[in-house]
Amino acid sequence: LQMNSLKPEDTAVYYCAADLAETVAAG
């Protein structure tokens, strides 16, 4: 995840996640 033009509101703990399937909602 390349994060540019960072803002103070971007401050957070960032968690990586993975799914075995590919789920699509609303396209």
PDB file of all heavy atoms in Angstrom:
ATOM      1  N   LEU A   1       0.856  -1.178   0.000  1.00  0.00           N
ATOM      2  CA  LEU A   1       0.000   0.000   0.000  1.00  0.00           C
ATOM      3  C   LEU A   1       0.892   1.228   0.000  1.00  0.00           C
ATOM      4  O   LEU A   1       1.545   1.523   1.004  1.00  0.00           O
ATOM      5  CB  LEU A   1      -0.931   0.013   1.215  1.00  0.00           C
ATOM      6  CG  LEU A   1      -1.955   1.148   1.247  1.00  0.00           C
ATOM      7  CD1 LEU A   1      -2.991   0.963   0.139  1.00  0.00           C
ATOM      8  CD2 LEU A   1      -2.639   1.216   2.608  1.00  0.00           C
ATOM      9  N   GLN A   2       0.934   1.912  -1.129  1.00  0.00           N
ATOM     10  CA  GLN A   2       1.659   3.167  -1.231  1.00  0.00           C
ATOM     11  C   GLN A   2       0.732   4.290  -0.797  1.00  0.00           C
ATOM     12  O   GLN A   2      -0.320   4.500  -1.403  1.00  0.00           O
ATOM     13  CB  GLN A   2       2.149   3.398  -2.662  1.00  0.00           C
ATOM     14  CG  GLN A   2       2.904   4.700  -2.864  1.00  0.00           C
ATOM     15  CD  GLN A   2       4.204   4.744  -2.107  1.00  0.00           C
ATOM     16  OE1 GLN A   2       4.959   3.780  -2.116  1.00  0.00           O
ATOM     17  NE2 GLN A   2       4.467   5.856  -1.433  1.00  0.00           N
ATOM     18  N   MET A   3       1.117   5.004   0.240  1.00  0.00           N
ATOM     19  CA  MET A   3       0.289   6.055   0.813  1.00  0.00           C
ATOM     20  C   MET A   3       0.974   7.398   0.586  1.00  0.00           C
ATOM     21  O   MET A   3       2.055   7.645   1.129  1.00  0.00           O
ATOM     22  CB  MET A   3       0.051   5.816   2.306  1.00  0.00           C
ATOM     23  CG  MET A   3      -0.560   4.448   2.613  1.00  0.00           C
ATOM     24  SD  MET A   3      -0.970   4.240   4.367  1.00  0.00           S
ATOM     25  CE  MET A   3       0.681   4.297   5.075  1.00  0.00           C
ATOM     26  N   ASN A   4       0.350   8.244  -0.201  1.00  0.00           N
ATOM     27  CA  ASN A   4       0.879   9.562  -0.507  1.00  0.00           C
ATOM     28  C   ASN A   4      -0.043  10.643   0.040  1.00  0.00           C
ATOM     29  O   ASN A   4      -1.208  10.390   0.343  1.00  0.00           O
ATOM     30  CB  ASN A   4       1.040   9.738  -2.019  1.00  0.00           C
ATOM     31  CG  ASN A   4       1.987   8.740  -2.643  1.00  0.00           C
ATOM     32  OD1 ASN A   4       3.023   8.412  -2.067  1.00  0.00           O
ATOM     33  ND2 ASN A   4       1.640   8.259  -3.836  1.00  0.00           N
ATOM     34  N   SER A   5       0.484  11.851   0.130  1.00  0.00           N
ATOM     35  CA  SER A   5      -0.292  12.996   0.617  1.00  0.00           C
ATOM     36  C   SER A   5      -1.013  12.669   1.912  1.00  0.00           C
ATOM     37  O   SER A   5      -2.209  12.925   2.073  1.00  0.00           O
ATOM     38  CB  SER A   5      -1.289  13.448  -0.459  1.00  0.00           C
ATOM     39  OG  SER A   5      -0.636  13.808  -1.658  1.00  0.00           O
ATOM     40  N   LEU A   6      -0.283  12.111   2.842  1.00  0.00           N
ATOM     41  CA  LEU A   6      -0.887  11.659   4.089  1.00  0.00           C
ATOM     42  C   LEU A   6      -1.422  12.819   4.906  1.00  0.00           C
ATOM     43  O   LEU A   6      -0.851  13.914   4.920  1.00  0.00           O
ATOM     44  CB  LEU A   6       0.129  10.864   4.898  1.00  0.00           C
ATOM     45  CG  LEU A   6       0.363   9.443   4.390  1.00  0.00           C
ATOM     46  CD1 LEU A   6       1.655   8.876   4.951  1.00  0.00           C
ATOM     47  CD2 LEU A   6      -0.820   8.550   4.773  1.00  0.00           C
ATOM     48  N   LYS A   7      -2.521  12.552   5.578  1.00  0.00           N
ATOM     49  CA  LYS A   7      -3.200  13.525   6.420  1.00  0.00           C
ATOM     50  C   LYS A   7      -3.232  13.016   7.856  1.00  0.00           C
ATOM     51  O   LYS A   7      -3.174  11.808   8.089  1.00  0.00           O
ATOM     52  CB  LYS A   7      -4.636  13.749   5.933  1.00  0.00           C
ATOM     53  CG  LYS A   7      -4.758  14.164   4.478  1.00  0.00           C
ATOM     54  CD  LYS A   7      -6.219  14.220   4.060  1.00  0.00           C
ATOM     55  CE  LYS A   7      -6.371  14.610   2.604  1.00  0.00           C
ATOM     56  NZ  LYS A   7      -7.797  14.646   2.184  1.00  0.00           N
ATOM     57  N   PRO A   8      -3.348  13.918   8.828  1.00  0.00           N
ATOM     58  CA  PRO A   8      -3.443  13.457  10.219  1.00  0.00           C
ATOM     59  C   PRO A   8      -4.571  12.457  10.443  1.00  0.00           C
ATOM     60  O   PRO A   8      -4.426  11.554  11.275  1.00  0.00           O
ATOM     61  CB  PRO A   8      -3.676  14.749  11.004  1.00  0.00           C
ATOM     62  CG  PRO A   8      -2.995  15.789  10.184  1.00  0.00           C
ATOM     63  CD  PRO A   8      -3.243  15.385   8.751  1.00  0.00           C
ATOM     64  N   GLU A   9      -5.667  12.593   9.725  1.00  0.00           N
ATOM     65  CA  GLU A   9      -6.772  11.666   9.888  1.00  0.00           C
ATOM     66  C   GLU A   9      -6.479  10.269   9.350  1.00  0.00           C
ATOM     67  O   GLU A   9      -7.280   9.348   9.537  1.00  0.00           O
ATOM     68  CB  GLU A   9      -8.055  12.210   9.250  1.00  0.00           C
ATOM     69  CG  GLU A   9      -7.892  12.656   7.806  1.00  0.00           C
ATOM     70  CD  GLU A   9      -7.674  14.160   7.684  1.00  0.00           C
ATOM     71  OE1 GLU A   9      -6.900  14.721   8.490  1.00  0.00           O
ATOM     72  OE2 GLU A   9      -8.279  14.779   6.797  1.00  0.00           O
ATOM     73  N   ASP A  10      -5.347  10.100   8.675  1.00  0.00           N
ATOM     74  CA  ASP A  10      -4.915   8.771   8.254  1.00  0.00           C
ATOM     75  C   ASP A  10      -4.248   8.007   9.386  1.00  0.00           C
ATOM     76  O   ASP A  10      -3.951   6.813   9.228  1.00  0.00           O
ATOM     77  CB  ASP A  10      -3.952   8.864   7.075  1.00  0.00           C
ATOM     78  CG  ASP A  10      -4.606   9.408   5.821  1.00  0.00           C
ATOM     79  OD1 ASP A  10      -5.756   9.043   5.530  1.00  0.00           O
ATOM     80  OD2 ASP A  10      -3.948  10.204   5.116  1.00  0.00           O
ATOM     81  N   THR A  11      -3.985   8.665  10.494  1.00  0.00           N
ATOM     82  CA  THR A  11      -3.357   8.010  11.632  1.00  0.00           C
ATOM     83  C   THR A  11      -4.217   6.855  12.122  1.00  0.00           C
ATOM     84  O   THR A  11      -5.396   7.027  12.435  1.00  0.00           O
ATOM     85  CB  THR A  11      -3.130   9.011  12.769  1.00  0.00           C
ATOM     86  OG1 THR A  11      -2.202  10.013  12.349  1.00  0.00           O
ATOM     87  CG2 THR A  11      -2.577   8.314  14.003  1.00  0.00           C
ATOM     88  N   ALA A  12      -3.631   5.677  12.175  1.00  0.00           N
ATOM     89  CA  ALA A  12      -4.367   4.485  12.573  1.00  0.00           C
ATOM     90  C   ALA A  12      -3.416   3.303  12.611  1.00  0.00           C
ATOM     91  O   ALA A  12      -2.282   3.383  12.132  1.00  0.00           O
ATOM     92  CB  ALA A  12      -5.509   4.195  11.593  1.00  0.00           C
ATOM     93  N   VAL A  13      -3.894   2.217  13.175  1.00  0.00           N
ATOM     94  CA  VAL A  13      -3.232   0.939  13.010  1.00  0.00           C
ATOM     95  C   VAL A  13      -3.754   0.320  11.723  1.00  0.00           C
ATOM     96  O   VAL A  13      -4.969   0.193  11.538  1.00  0.00           O
ATOM     97  CB  VAL A  13      -3.478  -0.006  14.195  1.00  0.00           C
ATOM     98  CG1 VAL A  13      -2.843  -1.369  13.938  1.00  0.00           C
ATOM     99  CG2 VAL A  13      -2.921   0.602  15.474  1.00  0.00           C
ATOM    100  N   TYR A  14      -2.850  -0.024  10.843  1.00  0.00           N
ATOM    101  CA  TYR A  14      -3.217  -0.599   9.559  1.00  0.00           C
ATOM    102  C   TYR A  14      -3.031  -2.106   9.611  1.00  0.00           C
ATOM    103  O   TYR A  14      -1.965  -2.602   9.981  1.00  0.00           O
ATOM    104  CB  TYR A  14      -2.366   0.007   8.438  1.00  0.00           C
ATOM    105  CG  TYR A  14      -2.798   1.401   8.067  1.00  0.00           C
ATOM    106  CD1 TYR A  14      -2.590   2.467   8.940  1.00  0.00           C
ATOM    107  CD2 TYR A  14      -3.433   1.656   6.856  1.00  0.00           C
ATOM    108  CE1 TYR A  14      -3.006   3.744   8.619  1.00  0.00           C
ATOM    109  CE2 TYR A  14      -3.848   2.935   6.525  1.00  0.00           C
ATOM    110  CZ  TYR A  14      -3.633   3.973   7.407  1.00  0.00           C
ATOM    111  OH  TYR A  14      -4.041   5.243   7.075  1.00  0.00           O
ATOM    112  N   TYR A  15      -4.071  -2.830   9.228  1.00  0.00           N
ATOM    113  CA  TYR A  15      -4.079  -4.278   9.285  1.00  0.00           C
ATOM    114  C   TYR A  15      -4.156  -4.867   7.881  1.00  0.00           C
ATOM    115  O   TYR A  15      -5.022  -4.483   7.092  1.00  0.00           O
ATOM    116  CB  TYR A  15      -5.282  -4.793  10.078  1.00  0.00           C
ATOM    117  CG  TYR A  15      -5.297  -4.384  11.529  1.00  0.00           C
ATOM    118  CD1 TYR A  15      -5.909  -3.212  11.933  1.00  0.00           C
ATOM    119  CD2 TYR A  15      -4.706  -5.189  12.495  1.00  0.00           C
ATOM    120  CE1 TYR A  15      -5.932  -2.832  13.262  1.00  0.00           C
ATOM    121  CE2 TYR A  15      -4.723  -4.828  13.825  1.00  0.00           C
ATOM    122  CZ  TYR A  15      -5.338  -3.652  14.208  1.00  0.00           C
ATOM    123  OH  TYR A  15      -5.360  -3.288  15.531  1.00  0.00           O
ATOM    124  N   CYS A  16      -3.281  -5.781   7.597  1.00  0.00           N
ATOM    125  CA  CYS A  16      -3.361  -6.549   6.372  1.00  0.00           C
ATOM    126  C   CYS A  16      -4.392  -7.658   6.539  1.00  0.00           C
ATOM    127  O   CYS A  16      -4.506  -8.256   7.607  1.00  0.00           O
ATOM    128  CB  CYS A  16      -1.993  -7.140   6.044  1.00  0.00           C
ATOM    129  SG  CYS A  16      -1.934  -8.141   4.544  1.00  0.00           S
ATOM    130  N   ALA A  17      -5.141  -7.928   5.492  1.00  0.00           N
ATOM    131  CA  ALA A  17      -6.126  -8.999   5.515  1.00  0.00           C
ATOM    132  C   ALA A  17      -6.123  -9.736   4.185  1.00  0.00           C
ATOM    133  O   ALA A  17      -5.754  -9.169   3.152  1.00  0.00           O
ATOM    134  CB  ALA A  17      -7.523  -8.449   5.806  1.00  0.00           C
ATOM    135  N   ALA A  18      -6.539 -10.988   4.230  1.00  0.00           N
ATOM    136  CA  ALA A  18      -6.591 -11.805   3.030  1.00  0.00           C
ATOM    137  C   ALA A  18      -7.810 -12.705   3.067  1.00  0.00           C
ATOM    138  O   ALA A  18      -8.227 -13.164   4.136  1.00  0.00           O
ATOM    139  CB  ALA A  18      -5.321 -12.644   2.887  1.00  0.00           C
ATOM    140  N   ASP A  19      -8.374 -12.950   1.905  1.00  0.00           N
ATOM    141  CA  ASP A  19      -9.508 -13.852   1.733  1.00  0.00           C
ATOM    142  C   ASP A  19      -9.137 -14.965   0.774  1.00  0.00           C
ATOM    143  O   ASP A  19      -8.447 -14.731  -0.222  1.00  0.00           O
ATOM    144  CB  ASP A  19     -10.721 -13.109   1.174  1.00  0.00           C
ATOM    145  CG  ASP A  19     -11.362 -12.158   2.149  1.00  0.00           C
ATOM    146  OD1 ASP A  19     -11.040 -12.221   3.350  1.00  0.00           O
ATOM    147  OD2 ASP A  19     -12.196 -11.346   1.705  1.00  0.00           O
ATOM    148  N   LEU A  20      -9.604 -16.158   1.064  1.00  0.00           N
ATOM    149  CA  LEU A  20      -9.404 -17.260   0.135  1.00  0.00           C
ATOM    150  C   LEU A  20     -10.200 -17.047  -1.137  1.00  0.00           C
ATOM    151  O   LEU A  20      -9.750 -17.392  -2.234  1.00  0.00           O
ATOM    152  CB  LEU A  20      -9.792 -18.581   0.787  1.00  0.00           C
ATOM    153  CG  LEU A  20      -8.948 -19.021   1.984  1.00  0.00           C
ATOM    154  CD1 LEU A  20      -9.468 -20.339   2.533  1.00  0.00           C
ATOM    155  CD2 LEU A  20      -7.484 -19.150   1.590  1.00  0.00           C
ATOM    156  N   ALA A  21     -11.386 -16.498  -1.003  1.00  0.00           N
ATOM    157  CA  ALA A  21     -12.248 -16.249  -2.142  1.00  0.00           C
ATOM    158  C   ALA A  21     -12.136 -14.802  -2.590  1.00  0.00           C
ATOM    159  O   ALA A  21     -11.575 -13.950  -1.901  1.00  0.00           O
ATOM    160  CB  ALA A  21     -13.700 -16.575  -1.802  1.00  0.00           C
ATOM    161  N   GLU A  22     -12.657 -14.537  -3.766  1.00  0.00           N
ATOM    162  CA  GLU A  22     -12.804 -13.183  -4.263  1.00  0.00           C
ATOM    163  C   GLU A  22     -14.283 -12.831  -4.188  1.00  0.00           C
ATOM    164  O   GLU A  22     -15.104 -13.420  -4.890  1.00  0.00           O
ATOM    165  CB  GLU A  22     -12.288 -13.055  -5.689  1.00  0.00           C
ATOM    166  CG  GLU A  22     -10.788 -13.240  -5.820  1.00  0.00           C
ATOM    167  CD  GLU A  22     -10.282 -12.980  -7.217  1.00  0.00           C
ATOM    168  OE1 GLU A  22     -11.119 -12.801  -8.138  1.00  0.00           O
ATOM    169  OE2 GLU A  22      -9.056 -12.944  -7.409  1.00  0.00           O
ATOM    170  N   THR A  23     -14.611 -11.882  -3.336  1.00  0.00           N
ATOM    171  CA  THR A  23     -15.991 -11.465  -3.143  1.00  0.00           C
ATOM    172  C   THR A  23     -16.207 -10.115  -3.791  1.00  0.00           C
ATOM    173  O   THR A  23     -15.413  -9.193  -3.604  1.00  0.00           O
ATOM    174  CB  THR A  23     -16.338 -11.399  -1.651  1.00  0.00           C
ATOM    175  OG1 THR A  23     -16.097 -12.667  -1.039  1.00  0.00           O
ATOM    176  CG2 THR A  23     -17.804 -11.033  -1.461  1.00  0.00           C
ATOM    177  N   VAL A  24     -17.282 -10.017  -4.544  1.00  0.00           N
ATOM    178  CA  VAL A  24     -17.615  -8.789  -5.249  1.00  0.00           C
ATOM    179  C   VAL A  24     -18.988  -8.320  -4.797  1.00  0.00           C
ATOM    180  O   VAL A  24     -19.938  -9.107  -4.738  1.00  0.00           O
ATOM    181  CB  VAL A  24     -17.591  -8.987  -6.770  1.00  0.00           C
ATOM    182  CG1 VAL A  24     -18.008  -7.707  -7.483  1.00  0.00           C
ATOM    183  CG2 VAL A  24     -16.202  -9.414  -7.225  1.00  0.00           C
ATOM    184  N   ALA A  25     -19.100  -7.064  -4.461  1.00  0.00           N
ATOM    185  CA  ALA A  25     -20.365  -6.446  -4.095  1.00  0.00           C
ATOM    186  C   ALA A  25     -20.527  -5.158  -4.879  1.00  0.00           C
ATOM    187  O   ALA A  25     -19.606  -4.341  -4.937  1.00  0.00           O
ATOM    188  CB  ALA A  25     -20.433  -6.169  -2.600  1.00  0.00           C
ATOM    189  N   ALA A  26     -21.692  -4.993  -5.478  1.00  0.00           N
ATOM    190  CA  ALA A  26     -21.970  -3.805  -6.282  1.00  0.00           C
ATOM    191  C   ALA A  26     -20.923  -3.598  -7.371  1.00  0.00           C
ATOM    192  O   ALA A  26     -20.566  -2.458  -7.687  1.00  0.00           O
ATOM    193  CB  ALA A  26     -22.094  -2.581  -5.398  1.00  0.00           C
ATOM    194  N   GLY A  27     -20.406  -4.684  -7.907  1.00  0.00           N
ATOM    195  CA  GLY A  27     -19.469  -4.612  -9.007  1.00  0.00           C
ATOM    196  C   GLY A  27     -18.029  -4.341  -8.628  1.00  0.00           C
ATOM    197  O   GLY A  27     -17.182  -4.212  -9.520  1.00  0.00           O
TER     198      GLY A  27
END
